[in-house]
């Protein structure tokens, strides 16, 4: 039995990032280059592959004790239960010094994965919540095939809509007009996520990680990068119209920001969010918000994925002079008016 004094227990939950993207979009190439960067030395990787025989771990690098391959199924469904046990085991081996003391976790999903159940698992399993915090979702999009994939595969739409960072790969294979068209489409699908172009998977880790609502290391809010409320505002006279092909899947997925100018009552806000999640949880892909709560000087951050509401986090201070409550929703087949009207009915006398 390991002596308690020999345990290396982190003082804060370790940041966990989900790397997703449709088949062939360059996830493994990106991961291979990331792991060669000095900043990634203390990173544990969980790789999921679809099928009986796994290959990606050989393509990334030589498998080490802190690289875990999960195969024989899709991470988000068939072996979802194994994800919990794998992460628990990985953490246990870390604190008992059986493997190097990693400081970050990256989960690479299969290209067919719906990211929502993975995020739910990270946010809802009691033991995982104590040990890991969801840092963000990084999604690769193939510039050469991205438009066609978004048209044909709902999974790719959800992967892009739920991202905190969108990475355009294979830009060297297409002309600038196609890159611009895809960039515009992704920006309309997910206005808050920065869109970065990467060449042969090469990018700086600092541009991808630290996506989370709160970074304990720096005690600062990454609000400028993940919550761009102005990106959701519609120019007067343009309404909510988007000039897309109506057959595109992402016409069903929308992003918008609900703002509230006066401090919110916490109990009423809880009742409102509970109602939304109970009635429309499957259609609410993600919720992120920074809130001004009545009687509180410091802002509160909320984060939810479908039916799972992450415990709120109080921030040390407001990131800027704008103290309005701002809540970003990414939804499927739900009108923005539903959220605008119900928040008023729940919070106004």
Protein backbone atom coordinates (compact mmCIF):
# COMPACT_ATOMS: atom_id res chain seq x y z
CA UNK A 1 0.00 0.00 0.00
CA UNK A 2 1.27 3.46 -0.90
CA UNK A 3 2.05 5.68 2.07
CA UNK A 4 -0.12 8.81 2.12
CA UNK A 5 3.02 10.91 2.37
CA UNK A 6 4.21 9.50 -0.96
CA UNK A 7 1.11 10.70 -2.84
CA UNK A 8 1.51 13.58 -5.28
CA UNK A 9 -1.97 15.13 -5.17
CA UNK A 10 -2.51 18.31 -7.26
CA UNK A 11 -3.89 21.29 -5.37
CA UNK A 12 -6.28 22.14 -8.23
CA UNK A 13 -8.24 20.00 -10.72
CA UNK A 14 -6.11 19.31 -13.79
CA UNK A 15 -7.19 20.96 -17.07
CA UNK A 16 -8.67 18.50 -19.58
CA UNK A 17 -9.06 19.41 -23.25
CA UNK A 18 -11.10 17.52 -25.84
CA UNK A 19 -9.57 17.35 -29.33
CA UNK A 20 -12.23 16.51 -31.89
CA UNK A 21 -12.90 16.89 -35.60
CA UNK A 22 -14.36 14.77 -38.36
CA UNK A 23 -12.56 11.85 -39.97
CA UNK A 24 -9.44 12.94 -41.86
CA UNK A 25 -9.45 16.50 -40.55
CA UNK A 26 -5.92 16.29 -39.12
CA UNK A 27 -6.35 15.59 -35.40
CA UNK A 28 -3.52 13.08 -35.19
CA UNK A 29 -1.11 15.27 -37.19
CA UNK A 30 -1.92 18.19 -34.90
CA UNK A 31 -1.44 16.08 -31.79
CA UNK A 32 1.89 14.71 -33.05
CA UNK A 33 3.27 18.23 -33.48
CA UNK A 34 1.84 19.44 -30.18
CA UNK A 35 3.48 16.63 -28.25
CA UNK A 36 6.87 17.58 -29.68
CA UNK A 37 6.59 21.04 -28.12
CA UNK A 38 8.39 21.65 -24.80
CA UNK A 39 5.23 23.16 -23.29
CA UNK A 40 3.51 19.78 -23.68
CA UNK A 41 6.06 17.77 -21.71
CA UNK A 42 3.70 17.19 -18.77
CA UNK A 43 0.68 16.11 -20.83
CA UNK A 44 -1.22 12.84 -20.61
CA UNK A 45 -3.09 11.73 -23.72
CA UNK A 46 -6.10 9.47 -24.11
CA UNK A 47 -6.63 8.38 -27.71
CA UNK A 48 -9.88 6.79 -28.87
CA UNK A 49 -10.10 4.91 -32.16
CA UNK A 50 -13.00 3.25 -33.92
CA UNK A 51 -12.35 -0.39 -34.59
CA UNK A 52 -10.67 -3.44 -33.13
CA UNK A 53 -7.08 -2.41 -33.89
CA UNK A 54 -5.68 0.95 -32.88
CA UNK A 55 -3.07 2.75 -34.98
CA UNK A 56 -3.20 6.42 -33.99
CA UNK A 57 -0.98 5.96 -30.94
CA UNK A 58 1.76 4.64 -33.23
CA UNK A 59 1.34 7.61 -35.55
CA UNK A 60 1.52 10.15 -32.72
CA UNK A 61 4.63 8.85 -30.98
CA UNK A 62 5.84 5.78 -29.20
CA UNK A 63 3.19 4.82 -26.65
CA UNK A 64 4.22 5.65 -23.10
CA UNK A 65 2.70 4.78 -19.77
CA UNK A 66 0.80 8.07 -19.69
CA UNK A 67 -0.63 7.57 -23.18
CA UNK A 68 -3.75 5.43 -23.07
CA UNK A 69 -5.36 3.98 -26.19
CA UNK A 70 -9.08 3.23 -26.01
CA UNK A 71 -10.34 1.28 -29.00
CA UNK A 72 -13.14 -1.16 -29.97
CA UNK A 73 -15.75 1.57 -30.12
CA UNK A 74 -16.64 5.25 -30.19
CA UNK A 75 -15.58 7.21 -27.13
CA UNK A 76 -18.90 9.02 -26.88
CA UNK A 77 -21.11 5.94 -26.80
CA UNK A 78 -19.88 2.33 -26.91
CA UNK A 79 -17.05 2.71 -24.41
CA UNK A 80 -18.20 5.82 -22.59
CA UNK A 81 -18.15 3.94 -19.30
CA UNK A 82 -14.54 2.99 -19.93
CA UNK A 83 -13.64 6.65 -20.27
CA UNK A 84 -14.54 7.25 -16.63
CA UNK A 85 -12.55 4.25 -15.43
CA UNK A 86 -9.60 5.14 -17.68
CA UNK A 87 -9.38 8.68 -16.35
CA UNK A 88 -9.77 7.54 -12.76
CA UNK A 89 -7.01 4.97 -13.26
CA UNK A 90 -4.77 7.52 -14.98
CA UNK A 91 -5.18 9.95 -12.10
CA UNK A 92 -4.59 7.22 -9.51
CA UNK A 93 -1.38 6.15 -11.24
CA UNK A 94 -0.27 9.76 -11.33
CA UNK A 95 -0.69 10.47 -7.62
CA UNK A 96 0.98 7.16 -6.71
CA UNK A 97 3.91 8.10 -8.99
CA UNK A 98 3.48 5.07 -11.24
CA UNK A 99 3.56 7.46 -14.21
CA UNK A 100 5.07 10.95 -14.63
CA UNK A 101 3.19 13.78 -12.86
CA UNK A 102 1.25 15.13 -15.84
CA UNK A 103 -0.28 18.60 -15.50
CA UNK A 104 -2.67 18.51 -18.45
CA UNK A 105 -4.93 15.93 -20.09
CA UNK A 106 -5.84 15.77 -23.79
CA UNK A 107 -8.57 13.43 -25.03
CA UNK A 108 -8.51 12.82 -28.78
CA UNK A 109 -11.89 11.52 -29.93
CA UNK A 110 -12.72 9.42 -32.94
CA UNK A 111 -13.82 11.48 -35.92
CA UNK A 112 -17.35 10.07 -35.63
CA UNK A 113 -17.82 11.26 -32.05
CA UNK A 114 -20.55 13.57 -30.86
CA UNK A 115 -18.60 15.63 -28.30
CA UNK A 116 -21.58 16.32 -26.02
CA UNK A 117 -21.59 13.01 -24.08
CA UNK A 118 -17.83 13.29 -23.54
CA UNK A 119 -18.19 16.78 -22.08
CA UNK A 120 -21.12 15.60 -19.97
CA UNK A 121 -18.97 12.81 -18.55
CA UNK A 122 -16.17 15.20 -17.63
CA UNK A 123 -18.63 17.60 -16.02
CA UNK A 124 -20.93 15.18 -14.22
CA UNK A 125 -18.98 12.23 -12.82
CA UNK A 126 -18.36 13.19 -9.16
CA UNK A 127 -14.85 11.74 -8.95
CA UNK A 128 -13.78 13.21 -12.29
CA UNK A 129 -15.08 16.67 -11.38
CA UNK A 130 -12.83 16.65 -8.31
CA UNK A 131 -9.78 15.68 -10.36
CA UNK A 132 -10.25 17.36 -13.76
CA UNK A 133 -11.75 20.58 -15.05
CA UNK A 134 -12.94 20.97 -18.63
CA UNK A 135 -10.51 23.40 -20.22
CA UNK A 136 -12.06 23.51 -23.68
CA UNK A 137 -12.93 21.84 -26.96
CA UNK A 138 -10.49 22.06 -29.88
CA UNK A 139 -12.01 21.14 -33.26
CA UNK A 140 -10.11 20.55 -36.50
CA UNK A 141 -11.90 21.31 -39.78
CA UNK A 142 -10.57 20.15 -43.15
CA UNK A 143 -10.44 23.20 -45.45
CA UNK A 144 -10.55 20.97 -48.52
CA UNK A 145 -13.61 18.96 -47.50
CA UNK A 146 -15.12 21.03 -44.70
CA UNK A 147 -18.10 22.43 -46.61
CA UNK A 148 -19.11 19.01 -47.95
CA UNK A 149 -18.68 17.40 -44.53
CA UNK A 150 -20.78 20.06 -42.81
CA UNK A 151 -23.50 19.52 -45.42
CA UNK A 152 -23.55 15.75 -44.98
CA UNK A 153 -22.56 14.96 -41.39
CA UNK A 154 -24.42 16.34 -38.35
CA UNK A 155 -21.56 15.17 -36.12
CA UNK A 156 -19.19 17.60 -37.83
CA UNK A 157 -21.67 20.43 -37.29
CA UNK A 158 -21.87 19.67 -33.56
CA UNK A 159 -18.10 19.37 -33.33
CA UNK A 160 -17.71 22.85 -34.83
CA UNK A 161 -20.60 24.41 -32.91
CA UNK A 162 -19.33 23.24 -29.53
CA UNK A 163 -15.70 24.25 -30.07
CA UNK A 164 -13.71 26.78 -28.08
CA UNK A 165 -11.05 26.80 -30.81
CA UNK A 166 -11.61 26.02 -34.50
CA UNK A 167 -8.55 24.97 -36.50
CA UNK A 168 -8.59 25.06 -40.30
CA UNK A 169 -6.29 22.37 -41.69
CA UNK A 170 -5.08 21.62 -45.24
CA UNK A 171 -5.42 25.25 -46.29
CA UNK A 172 -2.53 24.74 -48.70
CA UNK A 173 -4.78 22.46 -50.80
CA UNK A 174 -7.48 25.04 -51.58
CA UNK A 175 -7.72 28.60 -52.85
CA UNK A 176 -8.40 31.61 -50.66
CA UNK A 177 -12.03 31.95 -51.78
CA UNK A 178 -12.86 28.49 -50.42
CA UNK A 179 -11.05 29.24 -47.18
CA UNK A 180 -12.97 32.51 -46.81
CA UNK A 181 -16.32 30.80 -47.49
CA UNK A 182 -15.66 28.08 -44.94
CA UNK A 183 -14.39 30.61 -42.40
CA UNK A 184 -17.55 32.67 -42.80
CA UNK A 185 -19.74 29.62 -42.37
CA UNK A 186 -17.92 28.53 -39.22
CA UNK A 187 -18.09 32.06 -37.81
CA UNK A 188 -21.86 32.09 -38.27
CA UNK A 189 -22.15 28.65 -36.72
CA UNK A 190 -19.94 29.49 -33.72
CA UNK A 191 -19.13 33.22 -33.46
CA UNK A 192 -17.30 32.97 -30.12
CA UNK A 193 -14.61 30.51 -31.21
CA UNK A 194 -11.40 31.91 -32.72
CA UNK A 195 -10.67 30.36 -36.13
CA UNK A 196 -6.99 29.56 -36.63
CA UNK A 197 -5.25 28.26 -39.73
CA UNK A 198 -2.64 25.56 -39.16
CA UNK A 199 -0.13 24.20 -41.64
CA UNK A 200 0.78 20.51 -41.35
CA UNK A 201 -0.54 20.50 -37.79
CA UNK A 202 1.97 23.08 -36.57
CA UNK A 203 0.67 25.54 -33.98
CA UNK A 204 1.64 26.87 -30.58
CA UNK A 205 0.04 25.13 -27.56
CA UNK A 206 -0.58 28.53 -25.98
CA UNK A 207 -3.09 29.31 -28.76
CA UNK A 208 -5.15 26.20 -28.01
CA UNK A 209 -5.13 25.68 -24.27
CA UNK A 210 -6.44 27.91 -21.51
CA UNK A 211 -9.87 27.97 -23.22
CA UNK A 212 -11.69 27.47 -19.94
CA UNK A 213 -13.89 29.84 -18.02
CA UNK A 214 -11.37 30.21 -15.24
CA UNK A 215 -7.64 29.62 -15.16
CA UNK A 216 -6.46 28.99 -11.58
CA UNK A 217 -2.83 29.42 -12.64
CA UNK A 218 -3.26 33.02 -13.72
CA UNK A 219 -6.39 33.86 -11.71
CA UNK A 220 -7.84 35.48 -14.80
CA UNK A 221 -10.93 35.01 -16.95
CA UNK A 222 -10.46 34.05 -20.58
CA UNK A 223 -13.60 35.98 -21.37
CA UNK A 224 -12.20 37.92 -24.31
CA UNK A 225 -11.60 34.70 -26.20
CA UNK A 226 -14.61 32.53 -25.36
CA UNK A 227 -17.36 35.07 -24.87
CA UNK A 228 -17.62 37.61 -27.67
CA UNK A 229 -21.10 38.85 -27.05
CA UNK A 230 -20.86 41.41 -29.81
CA UNK A 231 -20.43 38.60 -32.32
CA UNK A 232 -23.96 37.47 -31.60
CA UNK A 233 -25.58 40.87 -32.04
CA UNK A 234 -27.53 41.38 -35.24
CA UNK A 235 -27.15 44.61 -37.17
CA UNK A 236 -30.35 46.60 -37.13
CA UNK A 237 -32.40 45.79 -40.17
CA UNK A 238 -30.81 42.41 -40.79
CA UNK A 239 -32.88 40.47 -38.29
CA UNK A 240 -31.99 36.81 -37.98
CA UNK A 241 -31.68 35.97 -41.63
CA UNK A 242 -28.70 34.02 -42.88
CA UNK A 243 -28.18 33.34 -46.55
CA UNK A 244 -27.48 29.64 -46.35
CA UNK A 245 -28.72 26.66 -48.26
CA UNK A 246 -31.76 25.51 -46.25
CA UNK A 247 -30.66 21.90 -46.61
CA UNK A 248 -27.48 22.46 -44.62
CA UNK A 249 -27.51 20.82 -41.20
CA UNK A 250 -26.09 23.87 -39.51
CA UNK A 251 -29.23 25.84 -40.29
CA UNK A 252 -30.63 23.87 -37.35
CA UNK A 253 -27.76 24.81 -35.04
CA UNK A 254 -27.63 28.42 -33.86
CA UNK A 255 -25.53 30.52 -31.52
CA UNK A 256 -26.70 33.66 -29.78
CA UNK A 257 -26.10 35.67 -26.63
CA UNK A 258 -28.77 36.64 -24.10
CA UNK A 259 -27.87 39.78 -22.16
CA UNK A 260 -29.53 41.19 -19.04
CA UNK A 261 -28.82 44.72 -17.88
CA UNK A 262 -29.81 44.54 -14.21
CA UNK A 263 -28.51 42.12 -11.55
CA UNK A 264 -30.16 38.72 -11.61
CA UNK A 265 -31.77 36.95 -8.69
CA UNK A 266 -29.83 33.70 -8.23
CA UNK A 267 -32.83 31.56 -7.22
CA UNK A 268 -34.90 32.79 -10.16
CA UNK A 269 -32.00 32.27 -12.54
CA UNK A 270 -31.59 28.72 -11.24
CA UNK A 271 -35.29 28.06 -11.82
CA UNK A 272 -35.02 29.43 -15.37
CA UNK A 273 -31.98 27.34 -16.31
CA UNK A 274 -33.53 24.26 -14.68
CA UNK A 275 -36.66 24.74 -16.77
CA UNK A 276 -34.64 25.10 -19.97
CA UNK A 277 -32.52 22.03 -19.29
CA UNK A 278 -35.51 19.92 -18.24
CA UNK A 279 -37.60 20.79 -21.30
CA UNK A 280 -34.94 21.29 -23.97
CA UNK A 281 -31.76 19.64 -22.66
CA UNK A 282 -31.15 17.53 -25.77
CA UNK A 283 -31.40 20.61 -27.97
CA UNK A 284 -29.20 22.90 -25.85
CA UNK A 285 -25.69 21.91 -26.87
CA UNK A 286 -23.80 24.33 -24.63
CA UNK A 287 -24.36 27.22 -22.25
CA UNK A 288 -21.60 29.61 -21.15
CA UNK A 289 -22.21 32.75 -19.20
CA UNK A 290 -20.80 35.47 -16.97
CA UNK A 291 -23.42 36.72 -14.54
CA UNK A 292 -24.09 39.76 -12.40
CA UNK A 293 -25.95 38.39 -9.36
CA UNK A 294 -27.90 40.68 -7.02
CA UNK A 295 -26.04 41.27 -3.78
CA UNK A 296 -22.71 39.99 -5.13
CA UNK A 297 -19.79 42.19 -6.15
CA UNK A 298 -17.91 39.49 -8.06
CA UNK A 299 -19.12 37.89 -11.30
CA UNK A 300 -20.28 34.28 -11.47
CA UNK A 301 -19.53 31.97 -14.38
CA UNK A 302 -21.87 29.17 -15.46
CA UNK A 303 -21.22 26.34 -17.91
CA UNK A 304 -23.62 23.59 -19.02
CA UNK A 305 -23.74 20.84 -21.65
CA UNK A 306 -27.20 19.56 -22.50
CA UNK A 307 -28.68 18.16 -19.26
CA UNK A 308 -25.54 18.70 -17.17
CA UNK A 309 -24.97 21.98 -15.31
CA UNK A 310 -21.39 22.44 -14.06
CA UNK A 311 -21.01 23.98 -10.57
CA UNK A 312 -20.77 27.78 -10.94
CA UNK A 313 -17.41 29.52 -10.40
CA UNK A 314 -16.96 32.89 -8.70
CA UNK A 315 -14.31 35.05 -10.34
CA UNK A 316 -11.95 37.40 -8.45
CA UNK A 317 -13.15 40.41 -10.43
CA UNK A 318 -14.90 41.54 -13.59
CA UNK A 319 -12.69 41.32 -16.70
CA UNK A 320 -13.83 44.74 -17.97
CA UNK A 321 -16.24 47.58 -17.26
CA UNK A 322 -19.22 45.75 -18.78
CA UNK A 323 -21.04 44.22 -15.80
CA UNK A 324 -24.09 42.98 -17.67
CA UNK A 325 -25.02 39.32 -17.47
CA UNK A 326 -24.14 37.63 -20.77
CA UNK A 327 -25.13 34.05 -21.53
CA UNK A 328 -24.10 32.33 -24.76
CA UNK A 329 -26.33 29.53 -26.02
CA UNK A 330 -25.57 27.01 -28.77
CA UNK A 331 -28.83 25.25 -29.61
CA UNK A 332 -30.51 23.05 -32.20
CA UNK A 333 -34.01 23.77 -33.52
CA UNK A 334 -34.82 26.36 -30.84
CA UNK A 335 -35.65 30.05 -31.45
CA UNK A 336 -33.69 32.81 -29.74
CA UNK A 337 -37.00 34.41 -28.72
CA UNK A 338 -37.70 31.49 -26.37
CA UNK A 339 -34.67 32.42 -24.27
CA UNK A 340 -35.13 36.18 -24.46
CA UNK A 341 -38.77 36.00 -23.40
CA UNK A 342 -38.44 33.40 -20.66
CA UNK A 343 -35.52 35.08 -18.90
CA UNK A 344 -37.65 38.22 -18.60
CA UNK A 345 -40.65 36.30 -17.30
CA UNK A 346 -38.55 34.54 -14.67
CA UNK A 347 -36.69 37.62 -13.48
CA UNK A 348 -39.14 40.49 -13.71
CA UNK A 349 -41.87 41.16 -11.17
